[in-house]
Structures are given as C-alpha cells and as structure tokens.
Amino acid sequence: MHGEYKVPGGKLVVVDLDDEGGVLRDVRVAGDFFLEPDEALTAIDQALEGAPSDTDTAGLTARVEAALPEGTVMYGLTAEGVAVAVRRALAQATDWTDYDWQLIHESPQSPALHMALDQVLTEEVAAGRRAPTLRVWEWDSPAVIIGSFQSLGNEVDPTGAARHGVTVVRRISGGGAMFVERANTITYSLSVPASLVSGLSFADSYAYLDDWVLTALGDMGIKAWYVPLNDIASKEGKIAGAAQKRLAQGGGAVLHHVTMSYDIDVDKMLDVLRIGKEKMSDKGTRSARKRVDPLRRQTGLPRGEVIERMIASFRGRYGLTEGGVTPEEMARAEELALSRYSSEEWTARVP
C-alpha cells in the first residue's frame, strides 16, 4: 500500500507498507523532507512496524514521537504528517496527479445558479460521470452567501441588502457569510472524489485542498498560510475563507469552495452583514475593517491576471484541461436554482 501527504507549509511524506493480519508490516517512510540524525528515519519505521492497522492518527503520531532519538530535528516533516500518510496508505487514498482535472471558467452567472452548479457538478463527480473539476466563478450581481446552518436574520440586514441590490442565497456547505461583488471577489470550487481526502481528518482536508493556492499566492509575492479551520491569511489579514460539503451518494465526493477578497467595499459590506462582537473577538481583532486584506493591494495585479496565475499554477502542478458545463448539467442546475436556491423556504430555512 502506498500513501502520500504534503505537510501543510512543509514537505511531501511518502509511506509504503503492507497490512498483514491487521498489523502494519514492512513500513518504509520517505520524502523530500529534512531529518537529523539519519537514524531517526529507521526509528520512525520501527515505531510503526507491528502497529495495529486500525490505530488512528493520534495513536500513530504518539508512536512516532516516542521513538524519535533525543535531539531529533525535523524540517518540513512532523510526526502527525507521517501518521496521516500511513492512514492514507491504509485507506488507499488517491493523489491529485491520479486524475485528469477539468477547468470550468465561464461567463458571469447568478448567485442562485452558482449554488446549484456546485451541487450538480459535485454530484456528477460522485457518480463518476465527471472528472474532478476546478470551477472559477464569475458573478453577475452582488450577493451574500450564507452558510447552510446560519440564521438569515442574524447574518444579513435586509434593509442594507435591498439598498445595495444584494441577493442573499444559502449554500449547501457550512461556515460563515461571504459578501461578494462582481469585480471585487475571486471564487472557485473544487469538486473532487472522496478518495482524494481519504485518511484525512475533516480539518486536515481543508489544509490539503488549499495547499495549491498557497503556492499560487507565493508566486505572486504573498506569503500566505492556512488558518484552521477554514481561512487563508497573510500577515496583513485574512485573504480568503473556505467551506466544504461531503456527498455520500455514488462513490462519494467533496465540494470545497473558496471566496477570496480581491478588493472590498468595507462600508457596503458592513451595511449588509451583521458582524457581531463575538466574531470579532474570535478572530483576535477589534475591527471588521482590519479583518480582510484584499489581493489587489497585496499583488498590485488586475483581478483577471490573479485568476490566470492561479489557474496556471494549478495546471503546472496537476494538469488541467479546458472544459465546460454540459447541457444536461446546466439544465439540472437551472431547475435547482429556481426550485431550491431562489426559494424563500431554502434561504430562510434557519430564520
């Protein structure tokens, strides 16, 4: 069995092993990390040898930590990273490069249609009828997208939304409200097979699916990092927020979507969103104005070029074929946009 895991902000860890009678055998850890002393690698292999194959990530991490020689130095590697790679091997997880990725980047669409497309495309991936897909959104109007479990009344000021012509929609994933405008926001979705995140905890899957965009931002001069559970930030402030939905039908699939701030009209956002004191405290800041630092200021690049560079970075790492929404997928999405995502029953399901 073979498992790979890119440690967030670190290096690749590769584990090869056998599962014989419910225990780990012939465990071999490798990767492009740095480790001193040399015998620490042998100690890691030996610590995992004979471990019950149902040992969870925490248990495997503890075995590795206990076996490390005194004074061991790891760079780009963690004991937990080794444990995750083991779990991915046992789960027979797939890798990014196992797939022929498809890109969808089409003309501006309505907020409700974007919600529906996320659902339909991810269902198609789960059913095996669509390749894993990176979809870059274009908005035809300003919107607030609230999380699946948020209270509409607690999150959105209806008077402010009406004043600015903002459409409010509810997505199928959890998380917080996002304020978007056509020229000020970069949004993308990943619709991926569940096997891509096999062996990862829910929290680890966020970091794993966000790793490529951190590299893309780095190539544009932004040192960004993942902030658990679902933010991407730099020293200047929050850049993006992510959310996920896992679908069980078919072979299973994960929807992972991210909204990035290219530019932002803070006054308008504060007129539409009800951002409470508790949320400000949780983020360690006293002002909503200081929470978000747009990509326009940090990169100095036009929005279109930022998107092009992100797509090029993804293509360079994993490959990416130009594609589109099929007529059948669009017909289903348009029906869902009308019957579900534009309905008061869905949008206000948590009043």
Protein backbone atom coordinates (compact mmCIF):
# COMPACT_ATOMS: atom_id res chain seq x y z
CA MET A 1 0.00 0.00 0.00
CA HIS A 2 1.19 3.49 -0.84
CA GLY A 3 0.25 6.78 0.80
CA GLU A 4 1.37 10.36 0.23
CA TYR A 5 0.75 13.50 2.22
CA LYS A 6 2.02 17.04 1.73
CA VAL A 7 2.53 18.52 5.19
CA PRO A 8 0.86 21.98 5.20
CA GLY A 9 3.67 24.50 4.79
CA GLY A 10 6.13 21.61 4.67
CA LYS A 11 7.31 18.74 2.51
CA LEU A 12 5.99 15.55 0.95
CA VAL A 13 5.83 12.42 3.11
CA VAL A 14 5.55 9.05 1.38
CA VAL A 15 4.74 5.78 3.16
CA ASP A 16 4.78 2.28 1.70
CA LEU A 17 3.52 -0.60 3.84
CA ASP A 18 1.64 -3.88 3.99
CA ASP A 19 -1.35 -4.77 6.15
CA GLU A 20 -0.88 -8.33 7.29
CA GLY A 21 -3.41 -9.80 9.69
CA GLY A 22 -4.46 -6.38 10.95
CA VAL A 23 -0.94 -5.08 11.70
CA LEU A 24 1.49 -2.88 9.77
CA ARG A 25 4.43 -4.65 8.12
CA ASP A 26 7.40 -3.57 6.00
CA VAL A 27 6.81 0.10 6.76
CA ARG A 28 9.04 2.42 4.76
CA VAL A 29 8.87 6.21 5.19
CA ALA A 30 10.44 8.52 2.59
CA GLY A 31 10.03 12.04 1.21
CA ASP A 32 11.73 15.31 0.37
CA PHE A 33 11.86 16.47 3.99
CA PHE A 34 14.97 17.08 6.13
CA LEU A 35 15.67 14.90 9.15
CA GLU A 36 18.57 14.67 11.59
CA PRO A 37 20.08 12.36 12.72
CA ASP A 38 19.88 9.79 9.92
CA GLU A 39 18.93 7.01 12.32
CA ALA A 40 15.71 8.90 13.13
CA LEU A 41 14.23 7.58 9.88
CA THR A 42 14.90 3.99 10.91
CA ALA A 43 13.39 4.75 14.33
CA ILE A 44 10.20 6.01 12.65
CA ASP A 45 9.90 2.88 10.51
CA GLN A 46 10.44 0.64 13.52
CA ALA A 47 7.92 2.56 15.63
CA LEU A 48 5.23 1.90 13.04
CA GLU A 49 6.17 -1.72 12.38
CA GLY A 50 3.67 -4.02 14.05
CA ALA A 51 1.19 -1.30 14.95
CA PRO A 52 -2.47 -2.36 14.69
CA SER A 53 -3.74 -1.21 11.31
CA ASP A 54 -6.79 0.39 12.91
CA THR A 55 -4.66 2.73 15.03
CA ASP A 56 -5.91 6.27 14.50
CA THR A 57 -3.80 9.27 13.54
CA ALA A 58 -3.29 10.35 17.16
CA GLY A 59 -2.11 6.89 18.14
CA LEU A 60 0.33 6.64 15.24
CA THR A 61 1.63 10.13 15.99
CA ALA A 62 2.32 9.14 19.59
CA ARG A 63 4.26 6.05 18.49
CA VAL A 64 6.46 8.12 16.18
CA GLU A 65 7.10 10.85 18.76
CA ALA A 66 8.05 8.32 21.43
CA ALA A 67 10.58 6.64 19.13
CA LEU A 68 12.47 9.72 17.94
CA PRO A 69 16.07 9.92 19.21
CA GLU A 70 16.81 12.76 21.60
CA GLY A 71 17.69 15.92 19.73
CA THR A 72 15.92 14.92 16.52
CA VAL A 73 15.39 17.85 14.15
CA MET A 74 12.63 17.67 11.53
CA TYR A 75 12.17 20.28 8.81
CA GLY A 76 9.16 20.00 6.53
CA LEU A 77 8.12 16.89 8.45
CA THR A 78 6.01 16.20 11.52
CA ALA A 79 5.14 13.04 13.40
CA GLU A 80 1.50 13.75 12.63
CA GLY A 81 2.34 14.11 8.92
CA VAL A 82 3.84 10.61 8.95
CA ALA A 83 0.73 9.29 10.70
CA VAL A 84 -1.57 10.89 8.14
CA ALA A 85 0.44 9.37 5.28
CA VAL A 86 0.04 5.95 6.94
CA ARG A 87 -3.71 6.41 7.25
CA ARG A 88 -3.91 7.49 3.60
CA ALA A 89 -2.00 4.37 2.54
CA LEU A 90 -4.37 2.14 4.50
CA ALA A 91 -7.39 3.96 3.06
CA GLN A 92 -5.93 3.54 -0.45
CA ALA A 93 -6.29 7.27 -0.99
CA THR A 94 -5.76 8.73 -4.43
CA ASP A 95 -3.46 11.65 -5.30
CA TRP A 96 -4.00 14.86 -7.24
CA THR A 97 -1.94 13.54 -10.16
CA ASP A 98 -4.10 10.42 -10.49
CA TYR A 99 -6.78 12.45 -12.28
CA ASP A 100 -7.35 14.39 -15.48
CA TRP A 101 -8.56 17.66 -13.98
CA GLN A 102 -11.06 19.80 -15.84
CA LEU A 103 -11.35 23.59 -15.72
CA ILE A 104 -14.67 25.43 -15.92
CA HIS A 105 -14.44 29.21 -16.22
CA GLU A 106 -17.49 30.64 -17.91
CA SER A 107 -19.37 33.93 -18.26
CA PRO A 108 -20.98 35.66 -15.24
CA GLN A 109 -23.88 33.79 -13.66
CA SER A 110 -26.45 34.49 -10.98
CA PRO A 111 -25.79 33.71 -7.31
CA ALA A 112 -28.53 31.06 -7.24
CA LEU A 113 -27.13 29.35 -10.32
CA HIS A 114 -23.66 29.24 -8.76
CA MET A 115 -25.09 27.46 -5.72
CA ALA A 116 -26.85 24.96 -7.97
CA LEU A 117 -23.81 24.33 -10.15
CA ASP A 118 -21.74 23.48 -7.09
CA GLN A 119 -24.27 20.83 -6.12
CA VAL A 120 -24.78 19.38 -9.59
CA LEU A 121 -21.11 19.19 -10.58
CA THR A 122 -20.12 17.57 -7.30
CA GLU A 123 -22.93 15.04 -7.64
CA GLU A 124 -21.64 14.24 -11.12
CA VAL A 125 -18.13 13.66 -9.75
CA ALA A 126 -19.57 11.37 -7.06
CA ALA A 127 -21.41 9.40 -9.74
CA GLY A 128 -18.25 9.01 -11.81
CA ARG A 129 -19.72 10.88 -14.78
CA ARG A 130 -17.44 13.92 -14.44
CA ALA A 131 -13.71 14.28 -13.90
CA PRO A 132 -12.53 16.18 -10.81
CA THR A 133 -13.17 19.83 -11.58
CA LEU A 134 -11.79 23.25 -10.75
CA ARG A 135 -14.52 25.84 -11.39
CA VAL A 136 -13.74 29.55 -11.28
CA TRP A 137 -16.86 31.64 -10.74
CA GLU A 138 -17.84 34.93 -12.33
CA TRP A 139 -20.66 36.89 -10.67
CA ASP A 140 -23.40 38.80 -12.50
CA SER A 141 -24.55 40.68 -9.38
CA PRO A 142 -23.54 41.38 -5.77
CA ALA A 143 -24.51 38.75 -3.24
CA VAL A 144 -24.27 37.49 0.30
CA ILE A 145 -23.80 33.73 0.57
CA ILE A 146 -24.72 32.38 3.98
CA GLY A 147 -23.68 29.01 5.35
CA SER A 148 -26.05 26.08 5.42
CA PHE A 149 -26.68 26.38 9.17
CA GLN A 150 -26.58 30.15 9.68
CA SER A 151 -29.54 32.24 10.78
CA LEU A 152 -30.62 34.54 7.96
CA GLY A 153 -31.81 37.21 10.37
CA ASN A 154 -28.62 37.13 12.44
CA GLU A 155 -26.30 37.44 9.46
CA VAL A 156 -27.96 39.82 7.00
CA ASP A 157 -29.52 43.27 7.34
CA PRO A 158 -32.38 43.11 4.80
CA THR A 159 -32.59 46.91 4.54
CA GLY A 160 -28.91 47.19 3.68
CA ALA A 161 -29.13 44.31 1.22
CA ALA A 162 -32.08 45.93 -0.57
CA ARG A 163 -30.35 49.33 -0.60
CA HIS A 164 -27.34 47.90 -2.44
CA GLY A 165 -29.17 45.43 -4.67
CA VAL A 166 -27.60 42.45 -2.93
CA THR A 167 -29.07 38.99 -3.49
CA VAL A 168 -28.97 36.64 -0.49
CA VAL A 169 -28.51 32.92 -1.14
CA ARG A 170 -27.81 29.94 1.09
CA ARG A 171 -25.20 27.35 0.09
CA ILE A 172 -25.11 23.63 0.94
CA SER A 173 -21.87 23.86 2.92
CA GLY A 174 -21.42 25.17 6.46
CA GLY A 175 -19.29 28.11 7.56
CA GLY A 176 -19.86 31.84 7.63
CA ALA A 177 -21.40 34.50 5.45
CA MET A 178 -19.48 35.88 2.48
CA PHE A 179 -20.06 39.26 0.84
CA VAL A 180 -19.19 39.29 -2.87
CA GLU A 181 -19.18 41.80 -5.70
CA ARG A 182 -18.50 41.15 -9.36
CA ALA A 183 -15.14 42.92 -9.68
CA ASN A 184 -14.03 42.58 -6.07
CA THR A 185 -14.18 38.83 -5.48
CA ILE A 186 -12.41 35.69 -6.70
CA THR A 187 -14.34 32.49 -6.03
CA TYR A 188 -13.51 28.94 -7.02
CA SER A 189 -14.78 25.44 -6.32
CA LEU A 190 -13.09 22.05 -6.29
CA SER A 191 -15.38 19.08 -6.89
CA VAL A 192 -13.27 16.03 -6.04
CA PRO A 193 -13.71 12.29 -5.40
CA ALA A 194 -13.87 11.38 -1.72
CA SER A 195 -10.82 9.16 -2.21
CA LEU A 196 -8.64 12.25 -2.68
CA VAL A 197 -9.07 13.11 1.01
CA SER A 198 -9.27 9.54 2.35
CA GLY A 199 -7.30 9.15 5.56
CA LEU A 200 -7.50 12.86 6.34
CA SER A 201 -9.49 14.37 9.17
CA PHE A 202 -12.11 16.96 8.27
CA ALA A 203 -9.74 19.73 9.41
CA ASP A 204 -6.73 18.27 7.58
CA SER A 205 -8.68 18.08 4.34
CA TYR A 206 -9.08 21.87 4.34
CA ALA A 207 -5.34 22.40 4.52
CA TYR A 208 -4.73 19.68 1.93
CA LEU A 209 -7.17 21.13 -0.61
CA ASP A 210 -5.94 24.70 -0.01
CA ASP A 211 -2.23 23.93 -0.38
CA TRP A 212 -2.04 24.61 -4.13
CA VAL A 213 -3.44 28.11 -3.79
CA LEU A 214 -0.87 28.98 -1.13
CA THR A 215 1.81 28.18 -3.71
CA ALA A 216 -0.01 30.26 -6.31
CA LEU A 217 -0.17 33.22 -3.92
CA GLY A 218 3.51 32.76 -3.07
CA ASP A 219 4.38 33.02 -6.75
CA MET A 220 2.63 36.41 -6.71
CA GLY A 221 4.72 37.59 -3.76
CA ILE A 222 2.24 36.84 -0.97
CA LYS A 223 3.40 34.66 1.89
CA ALA A 224 0.08 33.12 2.90
CA TRP A 225 -0.82 30.30 5.22
CA TYR A 226 -3.74 28.17 6.28
CA VAL A 227 -5.51 29.24 9.49
CA PRO A 228 -7.65 26.43 10.99
CA LEU A 229 -10.37 25.69 10.32
CA ASN A 230 -11.09 27.42 7.04
CA ASP A 231 -9.19 30.67 6.45
CA ILE A 232 -6.24 31.68 4.29
CA ALA A 233 -4.32 34.66 5.65
CA SER A 234 -1.13 36.68 5.40
CA LYS A 235 0.50 38.95 7.96
CA GLU A 236 -1.73 41.74 6.66
CA GLY A 237 -5.01 39.93 7.37
CA LYS A 238 -7.48 37.40 6.03
CA ILE A 239 -7.37 36.73 2.29
CA ALA A 240 -9.96 34.00 1.86
CA GLY A 241 -12.45 31.70 3.53
CA ALA A 242 -13.27 28.12 2.58
CA ALA A 243 -16.20 25.78 3.13
CA GLN A 244 -16.89 22.12 2.39
CA LYS A 245 -19.73 19.72 1.76
CA ARG A 246 -19.33 15.95 1.58
CA LEU A 247 -21.72 13.92 -0.56
CA ALA A 248 -22.22 10.24 0.20
CA GLN A 249 -24.01 9.14 -2.96
CA GLY A 250 -22.20 7.11 -5.60
CA GLY A 251 -18.52 6.81 -4.85
CA GLY A 252 -18.66 9.91 -2.66
CA ALA A 253 -17.34 13.38 -3.40
CA VAL A 254 -16.23 16.56 -1.66
CA LEU A 255 -17.17 20.10 -2.60
CA HIS A 256 -14.52 22.57 -1.44
CA HIS A 257 -15.14 26.19 -2.35
CA VAL A 258 -13.18 29.33 -1.53
CA THR A 259 -14.05 33.02 -1.68
CA MET A 260 -11.08 35.38 -1.91
CA SER A 261 -11.15 39.14 -1.46
CA TYR A 262 -9.58 40.88 -4.46
CA ASP A 263 -10.90 44.27 -3.41
CA ILE A 264 -13.57 45.21 -0.91
CA ASP A 265 -16.05 47.98 -0.19
CA VAL A 266 -15.95 47.73 3.60
CA ASP A 267 -18.68 50.30 4.20
CA LYS A 268 -21.09 48.44 1.93
CA MET A 269 -20.18 45.09 3.49
CA LEU A 270 -20.85 46.44 6.98
CA ASP A 271 -24.16 47.88 5.80
CA VAL A 272 -25.26 44.44 4.57
CA LEU A 273 -23.69 41.99 7.02
CA ARG A 274 -24.33 41.89 10.74
CA ILE A 275 -20.86 41.14 12.08
CA GLY A 276 -21.14 40.61 15.81
CA LYS A 277 -18.71 41.38 18.60
CA GLU A 278 -18.25 37.68 19.35
CA LYS A 279 -16.95 37.04 15.83
CA MET A 280 -14.53 39.95 16.09
CA SER A 281 -13.23 38.61 19.40
CA ASP A 282 -12.83 35.13 17.94
CA LYS A 283 -10.70 36.50 15.13
CA GLY A 284 -8.47 38.43 17.51
CA THR A 285 -9.25 41.83 16.02
CA ARG A 286 -11.27 44.81 17.12
CA SER A 287 -12.45 46.00 13.73
CA ALA A 288 -14.07 44.35 10.72
CA ARG A 289 -12.05 46.76 8.58
CA LYS A 290 -8.86 45.08 9.75
CA ARG A 291 -10.03 41.52 9.19
CA VAL A 292 -9.66 41.38 5.41
CA ASP A 293 -6.67 42.50 3.33
CA PRO A 294 -7.52 42.41 -0.39
CA LEU A 295 -5.36 40.80 -3.07
CA ARG A 296 -5.46 43.95 -5.18
CA ARG A 297 -3.39 45.82 -2.62
CA GLN A 298 -1.07 42.92 -1.89
CA THR A 299 -0.33 41.94 -5.50
CA GLY A 300 -0.83 45.15 -7.49
CA LEU A 301 -2.20 42.93 -10.26
CA PRO A 302 -5.52 43.17 -12.15
CA ARG A 303 -8.13 40.68 -10.98
CA GLY A 304 -8.05 38.80 -14.28
CA GLU A 305 -4.31 38.31 -14.06
CA VAL A 306 -4.55 37.00 -10.50
CA ILE A 307 -7.06 34.40 -11.72
CA GLU A 308 -4.88 33.50 -14.72
CA ARG A 309 -1.86 32.98 -12.49
CA MET A 310 -3.84 30.81 -10.09
CA ILE A 311 -5.08 28.63 -12.95
CA ALA A 312 -1.55 28.40 -14.39
CA SER A 313 -0.19 27.34 -11.00
CA PHE A 314 -2.80 24.58 -10.68
CA ARG A 315 -2.14 23.42 -14.24
CA GLY A 316 1.60 23.33 -13.63
CA ARG A 317 1.20 21.10 -10.58
CA TYR A 318 -1.60 18.75 -11.58
CA GLY A 319 -2.54 19.33 -15.20
CA LEU A 320 -5.77 21.00 -16.27
CA THR A 321 -7.93 20.61 -19.38
CA GLU A 322 -10.31 23.33 -20.56
CA GLY A 323 -13.88 22.14 -20.18
CA GLY A 324 -17.39 23.36 -19.56
CA VAL A 325 -20.76 22.59 -18.06
CA THR A 326 -22.65 20.08 -20.19
CA PRO A 327 -26.17 20.90 -21.42
CA GLU A 328 -27.57 18.19 -19.12
CA GLU A 329 -25.72 19.59 -16.10
CA MET A 330 -26.86 23.13 -16.90
CA ALA A 331 -30.48 22.05 -17.25
CA ARG A 332 -30.40 20.40 -13.81
CA ALA A 333 -28.63 23.41 -12.29
CA GLU A 334 -31.12 25.89 -13.73
CA GLU A 335 -34.01 23.85 -12.33
CA LEU A 336 -32.34 23.70 -8.89
CA ALA A 337 -31.51 27.40 -8.99
CA LEU A 338 -35.21 28.14 -9.41
CA SER A 339 -36.80 25.47 -7.22
CA ARG A 340 -34.32 25.47 -4.35
CA TYR A 341 -31.72 28.20 -4.28
CA SER A 342 -34.08 31.04 -5.20
CA SER A 343 -36.79 29.89 -2.80
CA GLU A 344 -37.62 31.61 0.45
CA GLU A 345 -38.12 28.19 2.03
CA TRP A 346 -34.45 27.30 1.47
CA THR A 347 -32.90 30.71 2.05
CA ALA A 348 -34.79 31.26 5.32
CA ARG A 349 -34.75 27.64 6.49
CA VAL A 350 -32.91 28.91 9.55
CA PRO A 351 -34.78 32.23 10.04
